[in-house]
Amino acid sequence: MGRILTAHASALHELAQSPGLPAAARDGLLRGAAERVERAMRCEVPGPDTRLNHANLLEGRGDLPGAEATLRRLAADYPTFAKGLGNLARLLLARAAAEPARAAALHAEADDLSARAVAAAPRDPIVANTRGIVCYTLRGAADALPHLQRAVAVQPAYFEAQRNLGVAWQALGEPQRALDCWRPLLAQRPDDAVRARQVSEAEAALAERR
């Protein structure tokens, strides 16, 4: 039953990310996903996917300590569960931004976790995108580029990875490549003000070279 509820929650969460979905419908889908995750957690032995979804639910509600504790227990119980390792890495990056005094230690741990995640699931686009985010944060766009390219190669419709790949290309002084990433995303979501600004800035940088 826990696996069924977890699968249903994942399906609802994916539907909630559909472009152009009204806010009320998105909120309803997310509420439904959260309710199923909570029911799955009450099953006798929740599996790693259920526990990961629960951590994500806690994070979405702003309970970052609870999410981190859940992810740390998950990593201890399933040391090769790539998505759990990756999510913990991303959470630690966010903590580092909020806690400058501990940033070096948190960055080092996030780097290790994301590398372990890639080693465990080298073809997983979510894991590759997470590794790209960590590498970009710690060492810059050139280090992030191959991971983001792999994420997009495996899943071309992966919005976040394509967005991040454009950021990397722009940082590397390649506005045309950035536009190749961002223009399709803006076409999908024409009301995306951030993407519109990025496209405008890349077009201006490209025009300066002509």
N, C-alpha and C. Protein backbone atom coordinates (compact mmCIF):
# COMPACT_ATOMS: atom_id res chain seq x y z
N MET A 1 0.82 -1.20 0.00
CA MET A 1 0.00 0.00 0.00
C MET A 1 0.86 1.26 0.00
N GLY A 2 1.96 1.22 0.78
CA GLY A 2 2.83 2.38 0.81
C GLY A 2 3.41 2.71 -0.55
N ARG A 3 3.80 1.67 -1.30
CA ARG A 3 4.36 1.89 -2.64
C ARG A 3 3.31 2.47 -3.59
N ILE A 4 2.08 1.99 -3.46
CA ILE A 4 1.00 2.51 -4.32
C ILE A 4 0.75 3.99 -4.02
N LEU A 5 0.66 4.31 -2.73
CA LEU A 5 0.43 5.70 -2.34
C LEU A 5 1.58 6.60 -2.79
N THR A 6 2.81 6.10 -2.68
CA THR A 6 3.98 6.88 -3.09
C THR A 6 3.96 7.12 -4.59
N ALA A 7 3.63 6.09 -5.37
CA ALA A 7 3.56 6.25 -6.82
C ALA A 7 2.47 7.26 -7.20
N HIS A 8 1.33 7.18 -6.51
CA HIS A 8 0.24 8.12 -6.80
C HIS A 8 0.66 9.55 -6.45
N ALA A 9 1.35 9.72 -5.32
CA ALA A 9 1.82 11.04 -4.92
C ALA A 9 2.79 11.60 -5.95
N SER A 10 3.69 10.76 -6.45
CA SER A 10 4.67 11.21 -7.46
C SER A 10 3.97 11.63 -8.74
N ALA A 11 2.94 10.86 -9.13
CA ALA A 11 2.20 11.21 -10.35
C ALA A 11 1.47 12.54 -10.19
N LEU A 12 0.88 12.77 -9.03
CA LEU A 12 0.18 14.04 -8.79
C LEU A 12 1.17 15.20 -8.79
N HIS A 13 2.34 14.98 -8.17
CA HIS A 13 3.34 16.04 -8.12
C HIS A 13 3.83 16.37 -9.53
N GLU A 14 4.02 15.36 -10.37
CA GLU A 14 4.47 15.61 -11.74
C GLU A 14 3.41 16.37 -12.52
N LEU A 15 2.14 16.01 -12.35
CA LEU A 15 1.06 16.73 -13.02
C LEU A 15 1.03 18.19 -12.58
N ALA A 16 1.36 18.45 -11.32
CA ALA A 16 1.33 19.82 -10.80
C ALA A 16 2.37 20.71 -11.46
N GLN A 17 3.39 20.11 -12.09
CA GLN A 17 4.43 20.90 -12.75
C GLN A 17 4.09 21.22 -14.20
N SER A 18 2.92 20.80 -14.68
CA SER A 18 2.56 20.99 -16.08
C SER A 18 2.48 22.48 -16.42
N PRO A 19 3.10 22.90 -17.55
CA PRO A 19 3.04 24.31 -17.95
C PRO A 19 1.60 24.76 -18.17
N GLY A 20 1.32 25.98 -17.74
CA GLY A 20 0.01 26.57 -17.98
C GLY A 20 -1.09 26.11 -17.05
N LEU A 21 -0.78 25.29 -16.07
CA LEU A 21 -1.81 24.80 -15.14
C LEU A 21 -2.25 25.93 -14.22
N PRO A 22 -3.55 26.14 -14.05
CA PRO A 22 -4.02 27.19 -13.13
C PRO A 22 -3.52 26.95 -11.71
N ALA A 23 -3.28 28.04 -11.00
CA ALA A 23 -2.72 27.93 -9.65
C ALA A 23 -3.60 27.10 -8.74
N ALA A 24 -4.92 27.24 -8.83
CA ALA A 24 -5.82 26.49 -7.96
C ALA A 24 -5.70 24.99 -8.23
N ALA A 25 -5.60 24.63 -9.50
CA ALA A 25 -5.46 23.21 -9.84
C ALA A 25 -4.12 22.67 -9.36
N ARG A 26 -3.04 23.48 -9.52
CA ARG A 26 -1.72 23.05 -9.05
C ARG A 26 -1.73 22.84 -7.54
N ASP A 27 -2.34 23.77 -6.81
CA ASP A 27 -2.39 23.65 -5.35
C ASP A 27 -3.16 22.41 -4.94
N GLY A 28 -4.25 22.10 -5.65
CA GLY A 28 -5.03 20.93 -5.33
C GLY A 28 -4.26 19.64 -5.55
N LEU A 29 -3.51 19.59 -6.64
CA LEU A 29 -2.68 18.41 -6.91
C LEU A 29 -1.60 18.24 -5.85
N LEU A 30 -0.97 19.34 -5.46
CA LEU A 30 0.08 19.27 -4.44
C LEU A 30 -0.48 18.86 -3.09
N ARG A 31 -1.67 19.33 -2.76
CA ARG A 31 -2.31 18.91 -1.51
C ARG A 31 -2.61 17.41 -1.55
N GLY A 32 -3.09 16.94 -2.70
CA GLY A 32 -3.36 15.52 -2.84
C GLY A 32 -2.10 14.69 -2.71
N ALA A 33 -1.01 15.16 -3.30
CA ALA A 33 0.27 14.45 -3.20
C ALA A 33 0.73 14.39 -1.75
N ALA A 34 0.64 15.51 -1.05
CA ALA A 34 1.07 15.55 0.35
C ALA A 34 0.25 14.60 1.21
N GLU A 35 -1.05 14.55 0.97
CA GLU A 35 -1.92 13.66 1.76
C GLU A 35 -1.53 12.20 1.55
N ARG A 36 -1.19 11.84 0.32
CA ARG A 36 -0.80 10.45 0.04
C ARG A 36 0.56 10.11 0.62
N VAL A 37 1.47 11.08 0.61
CA VAL A 37 2.78 10.84 1.24
C VAL A 37 2.61 10.59 2.73
N GLU A 38 1.79 11.40 3.38
CA GLU A 38 1.58 11.23 4.82
C GLU A 38 0.93 9.88 5.13
N ARG A 39 0.00 9.44 4.29
CA ARG A 39 -0.60 8.13 4.49
C ARG A 39 0.43 7.02 4.28
N ALA A 40 1.29 7.20 3.27
CA ALA A 40 2.32 6.20 3.00
C ALA A 40 3.29 6.08 4.16
N MET A 41 3.60 7.19 4.81
CA MET A 41 4.53 7.16 5.94
C MET A 41 3.94 6.41 7.14
N ARG A 42 2.63 6.25 7.17
CA ARG A 42 2.01 5.51 8.27
C ARG A 42 1.97 4.01 8.00
N CYS A 43 2.41 3.61 6.81
CA CYS A 43 2.48 2.18 6.51
C CYS A 43 3.58 1.55 7.36
N GLU A 44 3.56 0.24 7.46
CA GLU A 44 4.41 -0.45 8.44
C GLU A 44 5.89 -0.16 8.24
N VAL A 45 6.41 -0.31 7.03
CA VAL A 45 7.83 -0.06 6.77
C VAL A 45 7.93 0.79 5.50
N PRO A 46 7.88 2.11 5.61
CA PRO A 46 7.96 2.95 4.41
C PRO A 46 9.31 2.77 3.72
N GLY A 47 9.27 2.64 2.39
CA GLY A 47 10.48 2.44 1.61
C GLY A 47 11.22 3.74 1.36
N PRO A 48 12.35 3.67 0.65
CA PRO A 48 13.16 4.87 0.44
C PRO A 48 12.44 5.96 -0.35
N ASP A 49 11.64 5.58 -1.35
CA ASP A 49 10.93 6.60 -2.13
C ASP A 49 9.92 7.34 -1.26
N THR A 50 9.21 6.59 -0.42
CA THR A 50 8.25 7.23 0.48
C THR A 50 8.95 8.17 1.44
N ARG A 51 10.06 7.74 1.99
CA ARG A 51 10.80 8.58 2.93
C ARG A 51 11.38 9.81 2.24
N LEU A 52 11.80 9.66 1.00
CA LEU A 52 12.29 10.81 0.23
C LEU A 52 11.16 11.81 0.00
N ASN A 53 9.99 11.31 -0.41
CA ASN A 53 8.86 12.20 -0.62
C ASN A 53 8.45 12.91 0.67
N HIS A 54 8.57 12.20 1.77
CA HIS A 54 8.24 12.83 3.06
C HIS A 54 9.21 13.95 3.38
N ALA A 55 10.50 13.72 3.11
CA ALA A 55 11.49 14.78 3.33
C ALA A 55 11.18 15.99 2.46
N ASN A 56 10.81 15.74 1.20
CA ASN A 56 10.47 16.84 0.29
C ASN A 56 9.24 17.59 0.79
N LEU A 57 8.28 16.84 1.34
CA LEU A 57 7.08 17.47 1.89
C LEU A 57 7.44 18.37 3.07
N LEU A 58 8.29 17.88 3.95
CA LEU A 58 8.73 18.69 5.09
C LEU A 58 9.45 19.95 4.62
N GLU A 59 10.32 19.79 3.61
CA GLU A 59 11.04 20.96 3.09
C GLU A 59 10.06 21.97 2.50
N GLY A 60 9.09 21.47 1.74
CA GLY A 60 8.10 22.36 1.14
C GLY A 60 7.29 23.13 2.17
N ARG A 61 7.14 22.55 3.36
CA ARG A 61 6.40 23.21 4.44
C ARG A 61 7.30 24.13 5.27
N GLY A 62 8.58 24.19 4.92
CA GLY A 62 9.49 25.05 5.64
C GLY A 62 10.17 24.41 6.83
N ASP A 63 9.95 23.11 7.04
CA ASP A 63 10.59 22.40 8.15
C ASP A 63 11.94 21.85 7.67
N LEU A 64 12.91 22.75 7.52
CA LEU A 64 14.20 22.33 6.98
C LEU A 64 14.96 21.39 7.93
N PRO A 65 14.95 21.64 9.26
CA PRO A 65 15.61 20.67 10.14
C PRO A 65 15.00 19.27 10.05
N GLY A 66 13.67 19.21 9.98
CA GLY A 66 13.01 17.91 9.86
C GLY A 66 13.36 17.23 8.55
N ALA A 67 13.40 18.01 7.46
CA ALA A 67 13.75 17.45 6.16
C ALA A 67 15.19 16.93 6.17
N GLU A 68 16.09 17.72 6.75
CA GLU A 68 17.49 17.29 6.80
C GLU A 68 17.65 16.03 7.63
N ALA A 69 17.00 15.97 8.77
CA ALA A 69 17.11 14.78 9.61
C ALA A 69 16.58 13.55 8.89
N THR A 70 15.47 13.71 8.18
CA THR A 70 14.90 12.59 7.42
C THR A 70 15.85 12.13 6.33
N LEU A 71 16.45 13.09 5.61
CA LEU A 71 17.37 12.75 4.53
C LEU A 71 18.65 12.12 5.07
N ARG A 72 19.11 12.57 6.22
CA ARG A 72 20.32 11.97 6.80
C ARG A 72 20.06 10.53 7.23
N ARG A 73 18.90 10.27 7.81
CA ARG A 73 18.56 8.88 8.17
C ARG A 73 18.43 8.03 6.91
N LEU A 74 17.84 8.61 5.88
CA LEU A 74 17.69 7.89 4.62
C LEU A 74 19.04 7.54 4.02
N ALA A 75 19.98 8.50 4.03
CA ALA A 75 21.32 8.25 3.49
C ALA A 75 22.05 7.20 4.30
N ALA A 76 21.83 7.18 5.61
CA ALA A 76 22.48 6.17 6.45
C ALA A 76 21.92 4.78 6.17
N ASP A 77 20.60 4.70 5.96
CA ASP A 77 19.96 3.41 5.72
C ASP A 77 20.15 2.91 4.29
N TYR A 78 20.25 3.84 3.34
CA TYR A 78 20.37 3.49 1.91
C TYR A 78 21.52 4.32 1.31
N PRO A 79 22.76 3.95 1.57
CA PRO A 79 23.90 4.79 1.17
C PRO A 79 24.12 4.89 -0.33
N THR A 80 23.41 4.09 -1.14
CA THR A 80 23.54 4.22 -2.60
C THR A 80 22.23 4.68 -3.24
N PHE A 81 21.30 5.20 -2.44
CA PHE A 81 20.04 5.72 -2.98
C PHE A 81 20.31 7.13 -3.52
N ALA A 82 20.53 7.20 -4.83
CA ALA A 82 21.09 8.41 -5.45
C ALA A 82 20.22 9.64 -5.23
N LYS A 83 18.93 9.52 -5.39
CA LYS A 83 18.08 10.70 -5.27
C LYS A 83 18.06 11.23 -3.83
N GLY A 84 18.15 10.33 -2.86
CA GLY A 84 18.22 10.79 -1.47
C GLY A 84 19.51 11.54 -1.20
N LEU A 85 20.63 11.01 -1.72
CA LEU A 85 21.91 11.69 -1.56
C LEU A 85 21.89 13.06 -2.24
N GLY A 86 21.32 13.11 -3.43
CA GLY A 86 21.26 14.37 -4.17
C GLY A 86 20.41 15.40 -3.47
N ASN A 87 19.25 14.98 -2.96
CA ASN A 87 18.39 15.94 -2.27
C ASN A 87 19.04 16.48 -1.01
N LEU A 88 19.77 15.62 -0.31
CA LEU A 88 20.48 16.10 0.88
C LEU A 88 21.57 17.09 0.47
N ALA A 89 22.25 16.83 -0.63
CA ALA A 89 23.27 17.76 -1.11
C ALA A 89 22.67 19.13 -1.40
N ARG A 90 21.53 19.16 -2.06
CA ARG A 90 20.89 20.44 -2.38
C ARG A 90 20.44 21.17 -1.12
N LEU A 91 19.94 20.42 -0.16
CA LEU A 91 19.51 21.06 1.08
C LEU A 91 20.70 21.66 1.82
N LEU A 92 21.84 20.97 1.78
CA LEU A 92 23.03 21.50 2.45
C LEU A 92 23.57 22.74 1.74
N LEU A 93 23.42 22.81 0.43
CA LEU A 93 23.79 24.04 -0.28
C LEU A 93 22.96 25.21 0.22
N ALA A 94 21.67 24.98 0.39
CA ALA A 94 20.80 26.05 0.89
C ALA A 94 21.20 26.45 2.31
N ARG A 95 21.54 25.48 3.14
CA ARG A 95 22.00 25.80 4.49
C ARG A 95 23.29 26.62 4.46
N ALA A 96 24.19 26.26 3.57
CA ALA A 96 25.47 26.98 3.47
C ALA A 96 25.24 28.44 3.13
N ALA A 97 24.27 28.70 2.25
CA ALA A 97 23.98 30.09 1.88
C ALA A 97 23.46 30.89 3.06
N ALA A 98 22.75 30.19 3.97
CA ALA A 98 22.17 30.87 5.13
C ALA A 98 23.10 30.89 6.34
N GLU A 99 24.16 30.06 6.30
CA GLU A 99 25.08 29.96 7.44
C GLU A 99 26.52 30.11 6.95
N PRO A 100 26.96 31.33 6.66
CA PRO A 100 28.30 31.53 6.10
C PRO A 100 29.41 30.94 6.96
N ALA A 101 29.25 30.93 8.26
CA ALA A 101 30.31 30.42 9.13
C ALA A 101 30.54 28.92 8.93
N ARG A 102 29.52 28.22 8.50
CA ARG A 102 29.62 26.77 8.29
C ARG A 102 29.65 26.39 6.81
N ALA A 103 29.74 27.40 5.94
CA ALA A 103 29.60 27.15 4.51
C ALA A 103 30.64 26.16 3.99
N ALA A 104 31.89 26.29 4.41
CA ALA A 104 32.95 25.43 3.86
C ALA A 104 32.66 23.96 4.16
N ALA A 105 32.27 23.65 5.40
CA ALA A 105 31.99 22.26 5.76
C ALA A 105 30.75 21.74 5.05
N LEU A 106 29.72 22.57 4.95
CA LEU A 106 28.50 22.15 4.27
C LEU A 106 28.73 21.96 2.78
N HIS A 107 29.53 22.84 2.18
CA HIS A 107 29.87 22.69 0.76
C HIS A 107 30.64 21.40 0.52
N ALA A 108 31.59 21.10 1.38
CA ALA A 108 32.38 19.87 1.21
C ALA A 108 31.48 18.64 1.30
N GLU A 109 30.53 18.66 2.23
CA GLU A 109 29.64 17.52 2.37
C GLU A 109 28.70 17.40 1.16
N ALA A 110 28.18 18.54 0.70
CA ALA A 110 27.32 18.52 -0.49
C ALA A 110 28.08 18.01 -1.71
N ASP A 111 29.34 18.40 -1.84
CA ASP A 111 30.17 17.94 -2.95
C ASP A 111 30.32 16.42 -2.91
N ASP A 112 30.61 15.89 -1.73
CA ASP A 112 30.78 14.44 -1.59
C ASP A 112 29.47 13.70 -1.86
N LEU A 113 28.38 14.19 -1.31
CA LEU A 113 27.09 13.53 -1.49
C LEU A 113 26.67 13.49 -2.96
N SER A 114 26.83 14.62 -3.65
CA SER A 114 26.40 14.67 -5.06
C SER A 114 27.30 13.80 -5.94
N ALA A 115 28.59 13.71 -5.61
CA ALA A 115 29.48 12.82 -6.35
C ALA A 115 29.09 11.37 -6.13
N ARG A 116 28.76 11.01 -4.90
CA ARG A 116 28.30 9.64 -4.61
C ARG A 116 27.00 9.33 -5.33
N ALA A 117 26.13 10.32 -5.43
CA ALA A 117 24.86 10.12 -6.12
C ALA A 117 25.09 9.80 -7.60
N VAL A 118 25.99 10.55 -8.23
CA VAL A 118 26.30 10.30 -9.65
C VAL A 118 26.93 8.92 -9.82
N ALA A 119 27.81 8.54 -8.92
CA ALA A 119 28.43 7.22 -9.00
C ALA A 119 27.39 6.11 -8.89
N ALA A 120 26.35 6.34 -8.07
CA ALA A 120 25.31 5.34 -7.88
C ALA A 120 24.32 5.29 -9.03
N ALA A 121 24.09 6.43 -9.69
CA ALA A 121 23.10 6.49 -10.78
C ALA A 121 23.59 7.44 -11.87
N PRO A 122 24.59 7.03 -12.65
CA PRO A 122 25.20 7.94 -13.62
C PRO A 122 24.29 8.38 -14.75
N ARG A 123 23.18 7.67 -14.98
CA ARG A 123 22.28 8.03 -16.07
C ARG A 123 21.00 8.72 -15.58
N ASP A 124 20.94 9.04 -14.32
CA ASP A 124 19.74 9.68 -13.78
C ASP A 124 19.83 11.19 -14.03
N PRO A 125 18.90 11.78 -14.78
CA PRO A 125 19.01 13.21 -15.11
C PRO A 125 18.87 14.12 -13.90
N ILE A 126 18.04 13.73 -12.93
CA ILE A 126 17.87 14.56 -11.73
C ILE A 126 19.17 14.61 -10.94
N VAL A 127 19.80 13.45 -10.80
CA VAL A 127 21.07 13.38 -10.08
C VAL A 127 22.14 14.18 -10.81
N ALA A 128 22.19 14.06 -12.15
CA ALA A 128 23.18 14.81 -12.92
C ALA A 128 22.95 16.32 -12.79
N ASN A 129 21.69 16.74 -12.81
CA ASN A 129 21.39 18.17 -12.65
C ASN A 129 21.82 18.66 -11.26
N THR A 130 21.56 17.85 -10.24
CA THR A 130 21.98 18.22 -8.89
C THR A 130 23.49 18.35 -8.80
N ARG A 131 24.20 17.39 -9.40
CA ARG A 131 25.66 17.47 -9.41
C ARG A 131 26.12 18.74 -10.12
N GLY A 132 25.44 19.10 -11.20
CA GLY A 132 25.78 20.33 -11.91
C GLY A 132 25.58 21.56 -11.05
N ILE A 133 24.50 21.59 -10.28
CA ILE A 133 24.25 22.73 -9.38
C ILE A 133 25.34 22.85 -8.33
N VAL A 134 25.72 21.72 -7.75
CA VAL A 134 26.77 21.73 -6.73
C VAL A 134 28.09 22.20 -7.34
N CYS A 135 28.44 21.64 -8.49
CA CYS A 135 29.70 22.03 -9.13
C CYS A 135 29.71 23.51 -9.51
N TYR A 136 28.58 24.00 -10.01
CA TYR A 136 28.50 25.43 -10.37
C TYR A 136 28.71 26.30 -9.13
N THR A 137 28.07 25.93 -8.06
CA THR A 137 28.17 26.71 -6.82
C THR A 137 29.59 26.72 -6.28
N LEU A 138 30.26 25.57 -6.34
CA LEU A 138 31.57 25.45 -5.71
C LEU A 138 32.73 25.81 -6.61
N ARG A 139 32.61 25.48 -7.91
CA ARG A 139 33.78 25.64 -8.80
C ARG A 139 33.49 26.36 -10.10
N GLY A 140 32.24 26.68 -10.37
CA GLY A 140 31.94 27.47 -11.55
C GLY A 140 31.34 26.69 -12.71
N ALA A 141 31.02 27.43 -13.76
CA ALA A 141 30.25 26.89 -14.88
C ALA A 141 30.97 25.79 -15.64
N ALA A 142 32.28 25.92 -15.84
CA ALA A 142 33.00 24.92 -16.62
C ALA A 142 32.93 23.54 -15.96
N ASP A 143 32.99 23.52 -14.65
CA ASP A 143 32.92 22.24 -13.92
C ASP A 143 31.50 21.67 -13.96
N ALA A 144 30.51 22.54 -13.99
CA ALA A 144 29.12 22.10 -13.99
C ALA A 144 28.66 21.63 -15.36
N LEU A 145 29.26 22.15 -16.42
CA LEU A 145 28.74 21.96 -17.78
C LEU A 145 28.52 20.49 -18.17
N PRO A 146 29.49 19.60 -18.01
CA PRO A 146 29.25 18.23 -18.47
C PRO A 146 28.11 17.53 -17.76
N HIS A 147 27.90 17.84 -16.50
CA HIS A 147 26.80 17.21 -15.76
C HIS A 147 25.45 17.72 -16.26
N LEU A 148 25.35 19.03 -16.50
CA LEU A 148 24.10 19.59 -17.01
C LEU A 148 23.82 19.12 -18.43
N GLN A 149 24.87 19.01 -19.24
CA GLN A 149 24.69 18.49 -20.60
C GLN A 149 24.19 17.05 -20.56
N ARG A 150 24.71 16.25 -19.64
CA ARG A 150 24.27 14.86 -19.54
C ARG A 150 22.80 14.80 -19.12
N ALA A 151 22.40 15.65 -18.18
CA ALA A 151 21.01 15.66 -17.73
C ALA A 151 20.07 15.96 -18.89
N VAL A 152 20.42 16.95 -19.70
CA VAL A 152 19.57 17.32 -20.83
C VAL A 152 19.62 16.26 -21.93
N ALA A 153 20.77 15.64 -22.12
CA ALA A 153 20.89 14.59 -23.13
C ALA A 153 20.00 13.39 -22.78
N VAL A 154 19.95 13.06 -21.50
CA VAL A 154 19.13 11.92 -21.07
C VAL A 154 17.65 12.27 -21.10
N GLN A 155 17.32 13.50 -20.71
CA GLN A 155 15.91 13.92 -20.65
C GLN A 155 15.79 15.33 -21.24
N PRO A 156 15.63 15.42 -22.56
CA PRO A 156 15.62 16.74 -23.22
C PRO A 156 14.52 17.69 -22.71
N ALA A 157 13.43 17.14 -22.20
CA ALA A 157 12.33 18.00 -21.74
C ALA A 157 12.47 18.39 -20.27
N TYR A 158 13.61 18.15 -19.68
CA TYR A 158 13.83 18.45 -18.26
C TYR A 158 14.04 19.96 -18.11
N PHE A 159 13.01 20.65 -17.68
CA PHE A 159 12.99 22.11 -17.66
C PHE A 159 14.13 22.68 -16.83
N GLU A 160 14.27 22.20 -15.60
CA GLU A 160 15.27 22.78 -14.70
C GLU A 160 16.68 22.58 -15.23
N ALA A 161 16.97 21.40 -15.76
CA ALA A 161 18.32 21.14 -16.27
C ALA A 161 18.62 22.02 -17.48
N GLN A 162 17.64 22.18 -18.37
CA GLN A 162 17.85 23.03 -19.54
C GLN A 162 18.05 24.48 -19.12
N ARG A 163 17.29 24.91 -18.14
CA ARG A 163 17.46 26.27 -17.60
C ARG A 163 18.86 26.45 -17.04
N ASN A 164 19.31 25.48 -16.25
CA ASN A 164 20.62 25.58 -15.63
C ASN A 164 21.75 25.50 -16.66
N LEU A 165 21.54 24.69 -17.69
CA LEU A 165 22.54 24.61 -18.76
C LEU A 165 22.68 25.98 -19.44
N GLY A 166 21.59 26.67 -19.65
CA GLY A 166 21.66 28.01 -20.22
C GLY A 166 22.43 28.96 -19.33
N VAL A 167 22.22 28.85 -18.02
CA VAL A 167 22.96 29.70 -17.07
C VAL A 167 24.46 29.43 -17.20
N ALA A 168 24.82 28.16 -17.31
CA ALA A 168 26.24 27.81 -17.44
C ALA A 168 26.83 28.37 -18.73
N TRP A 169 26.12 28.21 -19.84
CA TRP A 169 26.63 28.74 -21.11
C TRP A 169 26.77 30.26 -21.05
N GLN A 170 25.81 30.93 -20.45
CA GLN A 170 25.89 32.39 -20.35
C GLN A 170 27.10 32.80 -19.51
N ALA A 171 27.33 32.09 -18.41
CA ALA A 171 28.48 32.41 -17.56
C ALA A 171 29.79 32.16 -18.27
N LEU A 172 29.79 31.25 -19.23
CA LEU A 172 31.01 30.94 -19.99
C LEU A 172 31.17 31.83 -21.22
N GLY A 173 30.31 32.85 -21.34
CA GLY A 173 30.41 33.78 -22.46
C GLY A 173 29.89 33.24 -23.77
N GLU A 174 28.88 32.37 -23.69
CA GLU A 174 28.29 31.76 -24.89
C GLU A 174 26.79 32.09 -24.95
N PRO A 175 26.45 33.37 -25.26
CA PRO A 175 25.03 33.75 -25.22
C PRO A 175 24.16 33.02 -26.23
N GLN A 176 24.71 32.67 -27.41
CA GLN A 176 23.89 31.95 -28.37
C GLN A 176 23.50 30.57 -27.85
N ARG A 177 24.44 29.89 -27.24
CA ARG A 177 24.12 28.58 -26.65
C ARG A 177 23.12 28.73 -25.50
N ALA A 178 23.26 29.81 -24.73
CA ALA A 178 22.29 30.06 -23.66
C ALA A 178 20.89 30.28 -24.24
N LEU A 179 20.82 31.04 -25.33
CA LEU A 179 19.52 31.28 -25.97
C LEU A 179 18.91 29.99 -26.50
N ASP A 180 19.77 29.12 -27.02
CA ASP A 180 19.26 27.83 -27.52
C ASP A 180 18.60 27.03 -26.40
N CYS A 181 19.05 27.24 -25.18
CA CYS A 181 18.44 26.57 -24.02
C CYS A 181 17.18 27.29 -23.56
N TRP A 182 17.23 28.62 -23.50
CA TRP A 182 16.18 29.38 -22.84
C TRP A 182 14.98 29.70 -23.72
N ARG A 183 15.19 29.91 -25.01
CA ARG A 183 14.06 30.28 -25.86
C ARG A 183 12.96 29.23 -25.86
N PRO A 184 13.30 27.92 -25.97
CA PRO A 184 12.21 26.93 -25.91
C PRO A 184 11.48 26.93 -24.57
N LEU A 185 12.19 27.22 -23.49
CA LEU A 185 11.55 27.27 -22.18
C LEU A 185 10.59 28.45 -22.09
N LEU A 186 11.00 29.59 -22.64
CA LEU A 186 10.13 30.77 -22.62
C LEU A 186 8.90 30.54 -23.49
N ALA A 187 9.07 29.79 -24.59
CA ALA A 187 7.92 29.47 -25.43
C ALA A 187 6.92 28.59 -24.67
N GLN A 188 7.42 27.71 -23.81
CA GLN A 188 6.54 26.87 -23.00
C GLN A 188 5.83 27.68 -21.94
N ARG A 189 6.54 28.64 -21.36
CA ARG A 189 5.98 29.43 -20.26
C ARG A 189 6.21 30.92 -20.55
N PRO A 190 5.40 31.49 -21.43
CA PRO A 190 5.63 32.88 -21.85
C PRO A 190 5.47 33.90 -20.73
N ASP A 191 4.86 33.52 -19.61
CA ASP A 191 4.70 34.44 -18.49
C ASP A 191 5.85 34.33 -17.49
N ASP A 192 6.91 33.59 -17.85
CA ASP A 192 8.06 33.40 -16.96
C ASP A 192 8.96 34.63 -17.06
N ALA A 193 8.84 35.53 -16.07
CA ALA A 193 9.56 36.80 -16.12
C ALA A 193 11.07 36.60 -16.01
N VAL A 194 11.50 35.63 -15.23
CA VAL A 194 12.94 35.38 -15.09
C VAL A 194 13.53 34.92 -16.40
N ARG A 195 12.85 34.00 -17.07
CA ARG A 195 13.36 33.50 -18.34
C ARG A 195 13.36 34.62 -19.40
N ALA A 196 12.32 35.46 -19.38
CA ALA A 196 12.25 36.57 -20.33
C ALA A 196 13.44 37.51 -20.14
N ARG A 197 13.77 37.78 -18.88
CA ARG A 197 14.92 38.66 -18.61
C ARG A 197 16.21 38.01 -19.08
N GLN A 198 16.37 36.72 -18.82
CA GLN A 198 17.59 36.03 -19.24
C GLN A 198 17.73 36.03 -20.76
N VAL A 199 16.64 35.79 -21.46
CA VAL A 199 16.67 35.81 -22.93
C VAL A 199 17.05 37.20 -23.42
N SER A 200 16.46 38.23 -22.81
CA SER A 200 16.76 39.60 -23.21
C SER A 200 18.23 39.93 -23.00
N GLU A 201 18.78 39.52 -21.85
CA GLU A 201 20.19 39.80 -21.56
C GLU A 201 21.11 39.04 -22.51
N ALA A 202 20.78 37.81 -22.83
CA ALA A 202 21.61 37.03 -23.76
C ALA A 202 21.54 37.62 -25.16
N GLU A 203 20.37 38.06 -25.58
CA GLU A 203 20.22 38.68 -26.90
C GLU A 203 21.03 39.97 -26.98
N ALA A 204 21.02 40.75 -25.89
CA ALA A 204 21.80 41.98 -25.86
C ALA A 204 23.29 41.68 -25.94
N ALA A 205 23.75 40.66 -25.21
CA ALA A 205 25.17 40.28 -25.26
C ALA A 205 25.56 39.81 -26.65
N LEU A 206 24.66 39.10 -27.29
CA LEU A 206 24.94 38.62 -28.65
C LEU A 206 24.99 39.78 -29.64
N ALA A 207 24.08 40.75 -29.47
CA ALA A 207 24.06 41.90 -30.36
C ALA A 207 25.33 42.73 -30.28
N GLU A 208 25.91 42.80 -29.09
CA GLU A 208 27.15 43.57 -28.90
C GLU A 208 28.32 42.99 -29.70
N ARG A 209 28.24 41.71 -30.02
CA ARG A 209 29.33 41.07 -30.74
C ARG A 209 29.22 41.25 -32.25
N ARG A 210 28.08 41.71 -32.70
CA ARG A 210 27.87 41.83 -34.15
C ARG A 210 28.35 43.17 -34.67
